[in-house]
Amino acid sequence: MKRYSPALLLDACVVSDILNVDVEIISLITQVLGAVYVPSVIVDELRRKFELDEIIKLGFEILEVSDEAQYAATVVKNQKKYRALTQNDCACLIMASQTNCSCVTNDFALQKACKDFNVAVLWELEVVLMLYERDGISYERAERYLDKLKRISFYITPQVSERFTTELNQIKKKKET
């Protein structure tokens, strides 16, 4: 597995996926991997699609995005190289950087920006693999997560799905020996 901080910061697409795929996974992530944070601007964004009590029930900690962090996000957003990012993506990037969290995202542009800013970044499915590797979820539950996620996320391409399945099977083999 690659370098990551035990504190995880989730972007909007990942929180949305969890709400649609497996709402109990946040508590498992917290128990097995560490603290889970979501910037307040992401919670505000998600409120357009989900009820606030649904979001809060997930059990993550909400990080208030300060005016200074919003300004820094705007500075990043205004750079030509990062125009593909939304303002909230930039806020995730800044908050992950300021709090030394790993940014969990499936967004290719945000992943690239995180690497540019030396912020540890993980795919959503990498977190699922880490849970399985540390006995936080079963092999079957990891497979079900992928199956449900493939139906709702355009980020989960056949290549991503195949890579996840290969890595999941490698971990399974390692556990059996």
N, C-alpha and C. Protein backbone atom coordinates (compact mmCIF):
# COMPACT_ATOMS: atom_id res chain seq x y z
N MET A 1 0.84 -1.19 0.00
CA MET A 1 0.00 0.00 0.00
C MET A 1 0.88 1.25 0.00
N LYS A 2 0.32 2.33 -0.49
CA LYS A 2 1.09 3.56 -0.57
C LYS A 2 1.01 4.36 0.72
N ARG A 3 1.79 5.40 0.78
CA ARG A 3 1.85 6.29 1.94
C ARG A 3 0.50 6.97 2.14
N TYR A 4 0.07 7.00 3.39
CA TYR A 4 -1.15 7.73 3.71
C TYR A 4 -1.11 8.13 5.17
N SER A 5 -1.89 9.12 5.50
CA SER A 5 -2.05 9.56 6.88
C SER A 5 -3.22 8.78 7.47
N PRO A 6 -3.13 8.39 8.74
CA PRO A 6 -4.25 7.66 9.33
C PRO A 6 -5.54 8.50 9.43
N ALA A 7 -5.43 9.80 9.35
CA ALA A 7 -6.62 10.66 9.32
C ALA A 7 -7.03 10.84 7.86
N LEU A 8 -8.29 10.57 7.56
CA LEU A 8 -8.77 10.61 6.19
C LEU A 8 -9.76 11.75 6.01
N LEU A 9 -9.62 12.49 4.92
CA LEU A 9 -10.54 13.56 4.56
C LEU A 9 -11.25 13.14 3.28
N LEU A 10 -12.57 13.07 3.33
CA LEU A 10 -13.35 12.59 2.19
C LEU A 10 -13.90 13.74 1.36
N ASP A 11 -13.85 13.59 0.04
CA ASP A 11 -14.46 14.60 -0.82
C ASP A 11 -15.93 14.24 -1.05
N ALA A 12 -16.63 15.10 -1.76
CA ALA A 12 -18.08 14.95 -1.93
C ALA A 12 -18.46 13.67 -2.64
N CYS A 13 -17.74 13.28 -3.67
CA CYS A 13 -18.13 12.09 -4.42
C CYS A 13 -18.01 10.83 -3.56
N VAL A 14 -17.02 10.79 -2.69
CA VAL A 14 -16.84 9.63 -1.83
C VAL A 14 -17.95 9.56 -0.78
N VAL A 15 -18.28 10.69 -0.16
CA VAL A 15 -19.36 10.70 0.83
C VAL A 15 -20.68 10.31 0.16
N SER A 16 -20.92 10.84 -1.01
CA SER A 16 -22.13 10.50 -1.77
C SER A 16 -22.17 9.01 -2.08
N ASP A 17 -21.04 8.45 -2.50
CA ASP A 17 -20.96 7.01 -2.78
C ASP A 17 -21.31 6.20 -1.53
N ILE A 18 -20.73 6.59 -0.40
CA ILE A 18 -20.97 5.86 0.84
C ILE A 18 -22.45 5.91 1.22
N LEU A 19 -23.07 7.07 1.05
CA LEU A 19 -24.49 7.19 1.34
C LEU A 19 -25.33 6.29 0.44
N ASN A 20 -24.86 6.05 -0.77
CA ASN A 20 -25.59 5.22 -1.71
C ASN A 20 -25.20 3.74 -1.70
N VAL A 21 -24.02 3.43 -1.18
CA VAL A 21 -23.50 2.06 -1.28
C VAL A 21 -23.52 1.32 0.07
N ASP A 22 -22.94 1.93 1.11
CA ASP A 22 -22.79 1.22 2.39
C ASP A 22 -22.55 2.24 3.50
N VAL A 23 -23.62 2.72 4.10
CA VAL A 23 -23.51 3.80 5.09
C VAL A 23 -22.76 3.38 6.35
N GLU A 24 -22.69 2.09 6.63
CA GLU A 24 -22.02 1.63 7.84
C GLU A 24 -20.50 1.64 7.72
N ILE A 25 -20.00 1.87 6.53
CA ILE A 25 -18.55 1.75 6.32
C ILE A 25 -17.76 2.85 7.02
N ILE A 26 -18.36 4.02 7.24
CA ILE A 26 -17.65 5.11 7.93
C ILE A 26 -17.24 4.68 9.33
N SER A 27 -18.15 4.05 10.07
CA SER A 27 -17.79 3.63 11.43
C SER A 27 -16.70 2.57 11.39
N LEU A 28 -16.72 1.72 10.39
CA LEU A 28 -15.66 0.72 10.25
C LEU A 28 -14.32 1.37 9.92
N ILE A 29 -14.36 2.36 9.04
CA ILE A 29 -13.12 3.08 8.70
C ILE A 29 -12.55 3.73 9.96
N THR A 30 -13.41 4.37 10.73
CA THR A 30 -12.97 5.04 11.95
C THR A 30 -12.38 4.04 12.94
N GLN A 31 -13.03 2.90 13.11
CA GLN A 31 -12.55 1.89 14.05
C GLN A 31 -11.23 1.26 13.60
N VAL A 32 -11.11 1.01 12.30
CA VAL A 32 -9.98 0.23 11.79
C VAL A 32 -8.83 1.10 11.30
N LEU A 33 -9.14 2.21 10.65
CA LEU A 33 -8.09 3.00 10.00
C LEU A 33 -7.78 4.33 10.67
N GLY A 34 -8.73 4.94 11.34
CA GLY A 34 -8.48 6.24 11.98
C GLY A 34 -9.61 7.22 11.75
N ALA A 35 -9.35 8.45 12.13
CA ALA A 35 -10.37 9.51 12.06
C ALA A 35 -10.79 9.80 10.62
N VAL A 36 -12.06 10.16 10.46
CA VAL A 36 -12.62 10.50 9.15
C VAL A 36 -13.21 11.91 9.24
N TYR A 37 -12.76 12.78 8.34
CA TYR A 37 -13.20 14.17 8.32
C TYR A 37 -13.83 14.51 6.97
N VAL A 38 -14.75 15.46 7.03
CA VAL A 38 -15.34 16.02 5.81
C VAL A 38 -15.41 17.53 6.01
N PRO A 39 -14.88 18.31 5.05
CA PRO A 39 -14.96 19.77 5.16
C PRO A 39 -16.42 20.25 5.16
N SER A 40 -16.67 21.31 5.90
CA SER A 40 -18.03 21.85 6.02
C SER A 40 -18.62 22.22 4.66
N VAL A 41 -17.81 22.69 3.73
CA VAL A 41 -18.32 23.06 2.41
C VAL A 41 -18.83 21.83 1.64
N ILE A 42 -18.26 20.68 1.93
CA ILE A 42 -18.71 19.43 1.29
C ILE A 42 -20.06 19.02 1.88
N VAL A 43 -20.20 19.18 3.20
CA VAL A 43 -21.49 18.88 3.83
C VAL A 43 -22.57 19.78 3.23
N ASP A 44 -22.24 21.07 3.06
CA ASP A 44 -23.20 22.00 2.45
C ASP A 44 -23.58 21.56 1.03
N GLU A 45 -22.59 21.12 0.27
CA GLU A 45 -22.84 20.65 -1.10
C GLU A 45 -23.74 19.41 -1.10
N LEU A 46 -23.48 18.50 -0.20
CA LEU A 46 -24.25 17.26 -0.15
C LEU A 46 -25.69 17.47 0.31
N ARG A 47 -25.92 18.55 1.01
CA ARG A 47 -27.28 18.84 1.50
C ARG A 47 -28.25 19.11 0.35
N ARG A 48 -27.73 19.36 -0.84
CA ARG A 48 -28.60 19.53 -1.99
C ARG A 48 -29.21 18.19 -2.43
N LYS A 49 -28.53 17.11 -2.09
CA LYS A 49 -28.93 15.78 -2.54
C LYS A 49 -29.44 14.88 -1.40
N PHE A 50 -28.95 15.12 -0.20
CA PHE A 50 -29.27 14.26 0.93
C PHE A 50 -29.75 15.11 2.11
N GLU A 51 -30.53 14.49 2.98
CA GLU A 51 -30.97 15.16 4.20
C GLU A 51 -29.78 15.30 5.15
N LEU A 52 -29.73 16.40 5.89
CA LEU A 52 -28.62 16.65 6.81
C LEU A 52 -28.49 15.52 7.83
N ASP A 53 -29.59 15.02 8.36
CA ASP A 53 -29.48 13.96 9.37
C ASP A 53 -28.90 12.68 8.77
N GLU A 54 -29.13 12.40 7.47
CA GLU A 54 -28.51 11.26 6.79
C GLU A 54 -26.99 11.42 6.78
N ILE A 55 -26.55 12.64 6.48
CA ILE A 55 -25.13 12.93 6.39
C ILE A 55 -24.48 12.83 7.77
N ILE A 56 -25.09 13.44 8.76
CA ILE A 56 -24.52 13.47 10.11
C ILE A 56 -24.48 12.07 10.72
N LYS A 57 -25.48 11.23 10.41
CA LYS A 57 -25.53 9.86 10.93
C LYS A 57 -24.31 9.03 10.54
N LEU A 58 -23.62 9.44 9.47
CA LEU A 58 -22.46 8.68 9.03
C LEU A 58 -21.37 8.65 10.10
N GLY A 59 -21.28 9.69 10.92
CA GLY A 59 -20.36 9.66 12.04
C GLY A 59 -18.98 10.26 11.80
N PHE A 60 -18.77 10.92 10.69
CA PHE A 60 -17.48 11.58 10.48
C PHE A 60 -17.47 12.91 11.21
N GLU A 61 -16.28 13.48 11.33
CA GLU A 61 -16.15 14.79 11.95
C GLU A 61 -16.17 15.85 10.85
N ILE A 62 -16.88 16.94 11.11
CA ILE A 62 -16.97 18.02 10.14
C ILE A 62 -15.88 19.04 10.45
N LEU A 63 -15.06 19.33 9.45
CA LEU A 63 -14.00 20.35 9.58
C LEU A 63 -14.53 21.68 9.05
N GLU A 64 -14.55 22.67 9.89
CA GLU A 64 -14.97 24.00 9.45
C GLU A 64 -13.90 24.58 8.54
N VAL A 65 -14.30 25.06 7.38
CA VAL A 65 -13.37 25.66 6.44
C VAL A 65 -13.32 27.16 6.75
N SER A 66 -12.16 27.60 7.20
CA SER A 66 -12.00 29.01 7.58
C SER A 66 -12.01 29.91 6.35
N ASP A 67 -12.17 31.21 6.59
CA ASP A 67 -12.10 32.18 5.49
C ASP A 67 -10.72 32.12 4.82
N GLU A 68 -9.68 31.93 5.63
CA GLU A 68 -8.32 31.85 5.07
C GLU A 68 -8.18 30.62 4.16
N ALA A 69 -8.75 29.50 4.60
CA ALA A 69 -8.68 28.29 3.77
C ALA A 69 -9.50 28.47 2.49
N GLN A 70 -10.64 29.14 2.58
CA GLN A 70 -11.44 29.41 1.38
C GLN A 70 -10.68 30.31 0.42
N TYR A 71 -9.98 31.30 0.97
CA TYR A 71 -9.18 32.19 0.13
C TYR A 71 -8.07 31.39 -0.56
N ALA A 72 -7.39 30.53 0.20
CA ALA A 72 -6.33 29.70 -0.38
C ALA A 72 -6.90 28.80 -1.47
N ALA A 73 -8.10 28.26 -1.24
CA ALA A 73 -8.75 27.42 -2.25
C ALA A 73 -9.05 28.22 -3.52
N THR A 74 -9.46 29.46 -3.34
CA THR A 74 -9.73 30.34 -4.49
C THR A 74 -8.45 30.62 -5.26
N VAL A 75 -7.36 30.85 -4.56
CA VAL A 75 -6.07 31.08 -5.22
C VAL A 75 -5.69 29.87 -6.06
N VAL A 76 -5.86 28.68 -5.51
CA VAL A 76 -5.56 27.45 -6.26
C VAL A 76 -6.49 27.35 -7.47
N LYS A 77 -7.77 27.55 -7.24
CA LYS A 77 -8.78 27.43 -8.31
C LYS A 77 -8.49 28.37 -9.47
N ASN A 78 -7.95 29.54 -9.17
CA ASN A 78 -7.68 30.53 -10.20
C ASN A 78 -6.42 30.26 -11.02
N GLN A 79 -5.64 29.25 -10.61
CA GLN A 79 -4.47 28.88 -11.40
C GLN A 79 -4.93 28.04 -12.59
N LYS A 80 -4.41 28.37 -13.74
CA LYS A 80 -4.83 27.70 -14.98
C LYS A 80 -4.73 26.18 -14.86
N LYS A 81 -3.71 25.70 -14.21
CA LYS A 81 -3.46 24.27 -14.07
C LYS A 81 -4.58 23.56 -13.30
N TYR A 82 -5.30 24.29 -12.45
CA TYR A 82 -6.30 23.67 -11.58
C TYR A 82 -7.73 24.11 -11.89
N ARG A 83 -7.95 24.63 -13.07
CA ARG A 83 -9.30 25.10 -13.42
C ARG A 83 -10.33 23.98 -13.51
N ALA A 84 -9.88 22.75 -13.69
CA ALA A 84 -10.82 21.61 -13.75
C ALA A 84 -11.41 21.29 -12.38
N LEU A 85 -10.78 21.80 -11.34
CA LEU A 85 -11.27 21.56 -9.98
C LEU A 85 -12.40 22.52 -9.63
N THR A 86 -13.32 22.05 -8.83
CA THR A 86 -14.35 22.94 -8.30
C THR A 86 -13.77 23.70 -7.10
N GLN A 87 -14.45 24.73 -6.66
CA GLN A 87 -14.04 25.45 -5.46
C GLN A 87 -13.99 24.50 -4.26
N ASN A 88 -14.97 23.59 -4.17
CA ASN A 88 -14.99 22.64 -3.05
C ASN A 88 -13.87 21.61 -3.15
N ASP A 89 -13.51 21.21 -4.37
CA ASP A 89 -12.34 20.34 -4.54
C ASP A 89 -11.10 21.03 -3.99
N CYS A 90 -10.95 22.30 -4.33
CA CYS A 90 -9.79 23.07 -3.85
C CYS A 90 -9.81 23.21 -2.33
N ALA A 91 -11.01 23.36 -1.76
CA ALA A 91 -11.12 23.42 -0.30
C ALA A 91 -10.69 22.10 0.32
N CYS A 92 -11.07 20.98 -0.30
CA CYS A 92 -10.62 19.66 0.18
C CYS A 92 -9.09 19.58 0.16
N LEU A 93 -8.51 20.01 -0.94
CA LEU A 93 -7.07 20.00 -1.09
C LEU A 93 -6.40 20.83 0.01
N ILE A 94 -6.87 22.04 0.22
CA ILE A 94 -6.29 22.93 1.23
C ILE A 94 -6.47 22.35 2.63
N MET A 95 -7.67 21.86 2.93
CA MET A 95 -7.93 21.30 4.27
C MET A 95 -7.10 20.05 4.52
N ALA A 96 -6.95 19.19 3.53
CA ALA A 96 -6.12 18.00 3.69
C ALA A 96 -4.67 18.40 3.94
N SER A 97 -4.21 19.41 3.22
CA SER A 97 -2.86 19.90 3.40
C SER A 97 -2.66 20.50 4.80
N GLN A 98 -3.59 21.32 5.23
CA GLN A 98 -3.48 22.00 6.52
C GLN A 98 -3.60 21.04 7.71
N THR A 99 -4.36 19.97 7.55
CA THR A 99 -4.60 19.06 8.67
C THR A 99 -3.78 17.77 8.58
N ASN A 100 -2.96 17.66 7.55
CA ASN A 100 -2.14 16.48 7.34
C ASN A 100 -2.98 15.21 7.21
N CYS A 101 -4.11 15.34 6.56
CA CYS A 101 -4.98 14.19 6.29
C CYS A 101 -4.67 13.64 4.90
N SER A 102 -4.99 12.39 4.70
CA SER A 102 -5.00 11.83 3.35
C SER A 102 -6.33 12.21 2.72
N CYS A 103 -6.29 12.67 1.49
CA CYS A 103 -7.50 13.02 0.76
C CYS A 103 -8.00 11.77 0.05
N VAL A 104 -9.24 11.39 0.34
CA VAL A 104 -9.85 10.23 -0.30
C VAL A 104 -10.80 10.75 -1.38
N THR A 105 -10.46 10.45 -2.64
CA THR A 105 -11.23 10.94 -3.77
C THR A 105 -11.08 10.00 -4.96
N ASN A 106 -12.09 9.99 -5.79
CA ASN A 106 -12.03 9.27 -7.06
C ASN A 106 -11.82 10.24 -8.22
N ASP A 107 -11.81 11.52 -7.92
CA ASP A 107 -11.69 12.58 -8.92
C ASP A 107 -10.24 12.67 -9.40
N PHE A 108 -10.04 12.40 -10.68
CA PHE A 108 -8.69 12.38 -11.24
C PHE A 108 -7.98 13.73 -11.09
N ALA A 109 -8.69 14.82 -11.35
CA ALA A 109 -8.08 16.16 -11.26
C ALA A 109 -7.68 16.48 -9.82
N LEU A 110 -8.51 16.12 -8.86
CA LEU A 110 -8.18 16.37 -7.45
C LEU A 110 -7.02 15.48 -7.02
N GLN A 111 -6.98 14.26 -7.49
CA GLN A 111 -5.84 13.39 -7.16
C GLN A 111 -4.53 13.99 -7.66
N LYS A 112 -4.55 14.48 -8.89
CA LYS A 112 -3.34 15.09 -9.45
C LYS A 112 -2.92 16.32 -8.65
N ALA A 113 -3.88 17.16 -8.30
CA ALA A 113 -3.58 18.35 -7.51
C ALA A 113 -3.00 17.97 -6.15
N CYS A 114 -3.55 16.94 -5.53
CA CYS A 114 -3.02 16.48 -4.24
C CYS A 114 -1.55 16.08 -4.38
N LYS A 115 -1.26 15.36 -5.42
CA LYS A 115 0.14 14.95 -5.66
C LYS A 115 1.02 16.18 -5.86
N ASP A 116 0.51 17.16 -6.60
CA ASP A 116 1.27 18.40 -6.83
C ASP A 116 1.57 19.12 -5.51
N PHE A 117 0.63 19.05 -4.58
CA PHE A 117 0.76 19.74 -3.29
C PHE A 117 1.34 18.82 -2.20
N ASN A 118 1.80 17.64 -2.60
CA ASN A 118 2.39 16.67 -1.68
C ASN A 118 1.42 16.26 -0.57
N VAL A 119 0.16 16.12 -0.94
CA VAL A 119 -0.88 15.64 -0.02
C VAL A 119 -1.10 14.17 -0.35
N ALA A 120 -1.05 13.32 0.68
CA ALA A 120 -1.31 11.90 0.47
C ALA A 120 -2.74 11.76 -0.06
N VAL A 121 -2.91 10.88 -1.03
CA VAL A 121 -4.22 10.72 -1.67
C VAL A 121 -4.51 9.24 -1.85
N LEU A 122 -5.76 8.89 -1.64
CA LEU A 122 -6.21 7.51 -1.79
C LEU A 122 -7.48 7.47 -2.62
N TRP A 123 -7.62 6.42 -3.42
CA TRP A 123 -8.88 6.13 -4.08
C TRP A 123 -9.84 5.58 -3.03
N GLU A 124 -11.11 5.77 -3.24
CA GLU A 124 -12.12 5.21 -2.35
C GLU A 124 -11.94 3.69 -2.21
N LEU A 125 -11.69 3.02 -3.32
CA LEU A 125 -11.54 1.57 -3.27
C LEU A 125 -10.26 1.13 -2.56
N GLU A 126 -9.26 1.99 -2.51
CA GLU A 126 -8.06 1.66 -1.73
C GLU A 126 -8.40 1.59 -0.25
N VAL A 127 -9.29 2.45 0.20
CA VAL A 127 -9.73 2.42 1.59
C VAL A 127 -10.48 1.10 1.86
N VAL A 128 -11.30 0.66 0.92
CA VAL A 128 -12.00 -0.61 1.06
C VAL A 128 -10.99 -1.75 1.14
N LEU A 129 -9.97 -1.72 0.31
CA LEU A 129 -8.92 -2.75 0.36
C LEU A 129 -8.20 -2.74 1.71
N MET A 130 -7.93 -1.56 2.22
CA MET A 130 -7.26 -1.45 3.52
C MET A 130 -8.14 -2.03 4.63
N LEU A 131 -9.43 -1.78 4.54
CA LEU A 131 -10.36 -2.36 5.52
C LEU A 131 -10.33 -3.88 5.47
N TYR A 132 -10.36 -4.43 4.26
CA TYR A 132 -10.32 -5.89 4.12
C TYR A 132 -8.99 -6.44 4.64
N GLU A 133 -7.91 -5.80 4.26
CA GLU A 133 -6.58 -6.26 4.67
C GLU A 133 -6.44 -6.31 6.20
N ARG A 134 -7.10 -5.38 6.88
CA ARG A 134 -7.01 -5.29 8.35
C ARG A 134 -8.22 -5.94 9.04
N ASP A 135 -8.92 -6.80 8.31
CA ASP A 135 -10.07 -7.56 8.84
C ASP A 135 -11.22 -6.68 9.32
N GLY A 136 -11.35 -5.50 8.73
CA GLY A 136 -12.46 -4.62 9.07
C GLY A 136 -13.74 -4.98 8.33
N ILE A 137 -13.59 -5.61 7.16
CA ILE A 137 -14.73 -6.11 6.39
C ILE A 137 -14.35 -7.44 5.77
N SER A 138 -15.36 -8.18 5.37
CA SER A 138 -15.13 -9.48 4.72
C SER A 138 -14.80 -9.29 3.24
N TYR A 139 -14.29 -10.34 2.66
CA TYR A 139 -14.03 -10.37 1.22
C TYR A 139 -15.33 -10.11 0.45
N GLU A 140 -16.39 -10.77 0.88
CA GLU A 140 -17.68 -10.64 0.21
C GLU A 140 -18.21 -9.20 0.28
N ARG A 141 -18.04 -8.57 1.43
CA ARG A 141 -18.52 -7.19 1.57
C ARG A 141 -17.72 -6.25 0.66
N ALA A 142 -16.43 -6.48 0.56
CA ALA A 142 -15.60 -5.68 -0.34
C ALA A 142 -16.07 -5.85 -1.78
N GLU A 143 -16.37 -7.09 -2.17
CA GLU A 143 -16.88 -7.34 -3.53
C GLU A 143 -18.22 -6.64 -3.75
N ARG A 144 -19.11 -6.71 -2.76
CA ARG A 144 -20.42 -6.06 -2.88
C ARG A 144 -20.27 -4.55 -3.01
N TYR A 145 -19.31 -4.00 -2.26
CA TYR A 145 -19.08 -2.56 -2.34
C TYR A 145 -18.71 -2.17 -3.77
N LEU A 146 -17.78 -2.91 -4.35
CA LEU A 146 -17.39 -2.65 -5.74
C LEU A 146 -18.57 -2.79 -6.68
N ASP A 147 -19.34 -3.86 -6.53
CA ASP A 147 -20.47 -4.10 -7.43
C ASP A 147 -21.47 -2.94 -7.39
N LYS A 148 -21.80 -2.49 -6.20
CA LYS A 148 -22.74 -1.37 -6.07
C LYS A 148 -22.13 -0.07 -6.59
N LEU A 149 -20.85 0.14 -6.29
CA LEU A 149 -20.17 1.36 -6.71
C LEU A 149 -20.08 1.46 -8.23
N LYS A 150 -19.84 0.34 -8.90
CA LYS A 150 -19.76 0.34 -10.37
C LYS A 150 -21.04 0.85 -11.00
N ARG A 151 -22.16 0.60 -10.34
CA ARG A 151 -23.46 1.01 -10.89
C ARG A 151 -23.72 2.50 -10.78
N ILE A 152 -23.04 3.17 -9.85
CA ILE A 152 -23.37 4.59 -9.62
C ILE A 152 -22.24 5.58 -9.91
N SER A 153 -21.02 5.09 -10.08
CA SER A 153 -19.88 6.01 -10.24
C SER A 153 -19.20 5.85 -11.59
N PHE A 154 -19.14 6.94 -12.33
CA PHE A 154 -18.44 6.88 -13.62
C PHE A 154 -16.92 6.82 -13.45
N TYR A 155 -16.44 7.04 -12.23
CA TYR A 155 -15.00 6.93 -11.96
C TYR A 155 -14.54 5.46 -11.93
N ILE A 156 -15.47 4.56 -11.75
CA ILE A 156 -15.11 3.14 -11.64
C ILE A 156 -15.18 2.50 -13.02
N THR A 157 -14.08 2.64 -13.71
CA THR A 157 -13.96 2.10 -15.06
C THR A 157 -13.69 0.60 -14.99
N PRO A 158 -13.79 -0.12 -16.10
CA PRO A 158 -13.44 -1.55 -16.08
C PRO A 158 -11.99 -1.77 -15.59
N GLN A 159 -11.09 -0.86 -15.95
CA GLN A 159 -9.70 -1.00 -15.51
C GLN A 159 -9.59 -0.85 -14.00
N VAL A 160 -10.28 0.13 -13.44
CA VAL A 160 -10.26 0.34 -11.98
C VAL A 160 -10.86 -0.88 -11.29
N SER A 161 -11.96 -1.36 -11.81
CA SER A 161 -12.63 -2.53 -11.24
C SER A 161 -11.72 -3.75 -11.28
N GLU A 162 -11.07 -3.96 -12.40
CA GLU A 162 -10.16 -5.10 -12.56
C GLU A 162 -8.98 -4.99 -11.60
N ARG A 163 -8.42 -3.79 -11.46
CA ARG A 163 -7.29 -3.59 -10.55
C ARG A 163 -7.71 -3.87 -9.10
N PHE A 164 -8.91 -3.39 -8.73
CA PHE A 164 -9.41 -3.64 -7.37
C PHE A 164 -9.56 -5.14 -7.12
N THR A 165 -10.18 -5.84 -8.06
CA THR A 165 -10.40 -7.28 -7.90
C THR A 165 -9.08 -8.03 -7.81
N THR A 166 -8.12 -7.64 -8.62
CA THR A 166 -6.79 -8.27 -8.57
C THR A 166 -6.15 -8.05 -7.20
N GLU A 167 -6.17 -6.81 -6.71
CA GLU A 167 -5.56 -6.51 -5.41
C GLU A 167 -6.32 -7.19 -4.28
N LEU A 168 -7.64 -7.25 -4.37
CA LEU A 168 -8.44 -7.92 -3.36
C LEU A 168 -8.06 -9.40 -3.29
N ASN A 169 -7.93 -10.03 -4.46
CA ASN A 169 -7.54 -11.45 -4.50
C ASN A 169 -6.12 -11.68 -3.99
N GLN A 170 -5.22 -10.75 -4.28
CA GLN A 170 -3.85 -10.86 -3.75
C GLN A 170 -3.84 -10.80 -2.22
N ILE A 171 -4.63 -9.90 -1.66
CA ILE A 171 -4.72 -9.79 -0.20
C ILE A 171 -5.33 -11.07 0.36
N LYS A 172 -6.36 -11.61 -0.30
CA LYS A 172 -7.00 -12.84 0.16
C LYS A 172 -5.99 -13.99 0.18
N LYS A 173 -5.21 -14.10 -0.88
CA LYS A 173 -4.19 -15.16 -0.97
C LYS A 173 -3.18 -15.02 0.16
N LYS A 174 -2.75 -13.79 0.39
CA LYS A 174 -1.77 -13.51 1.45
C LYS A 174 -2.33 -13.89 2.81
N LYS A 175 -3.61 -13.61 3.03
CA LYS A 175 -4.25 -13.95 4.31
C LYS A 175 -4.37 -15.45 4.51
N GLU A 176 -4.54 -16.18 3.42
CA GLU A 176 -4.72 -17.64 3.50
C GLU A 176 -3.42 -18.38 3.75
N THR A 177 -2.29 -17.73 3.54
CA THR A 177 -1.00 -18.41 3.76
C THR A 177 -0.49 -18.20 5.16
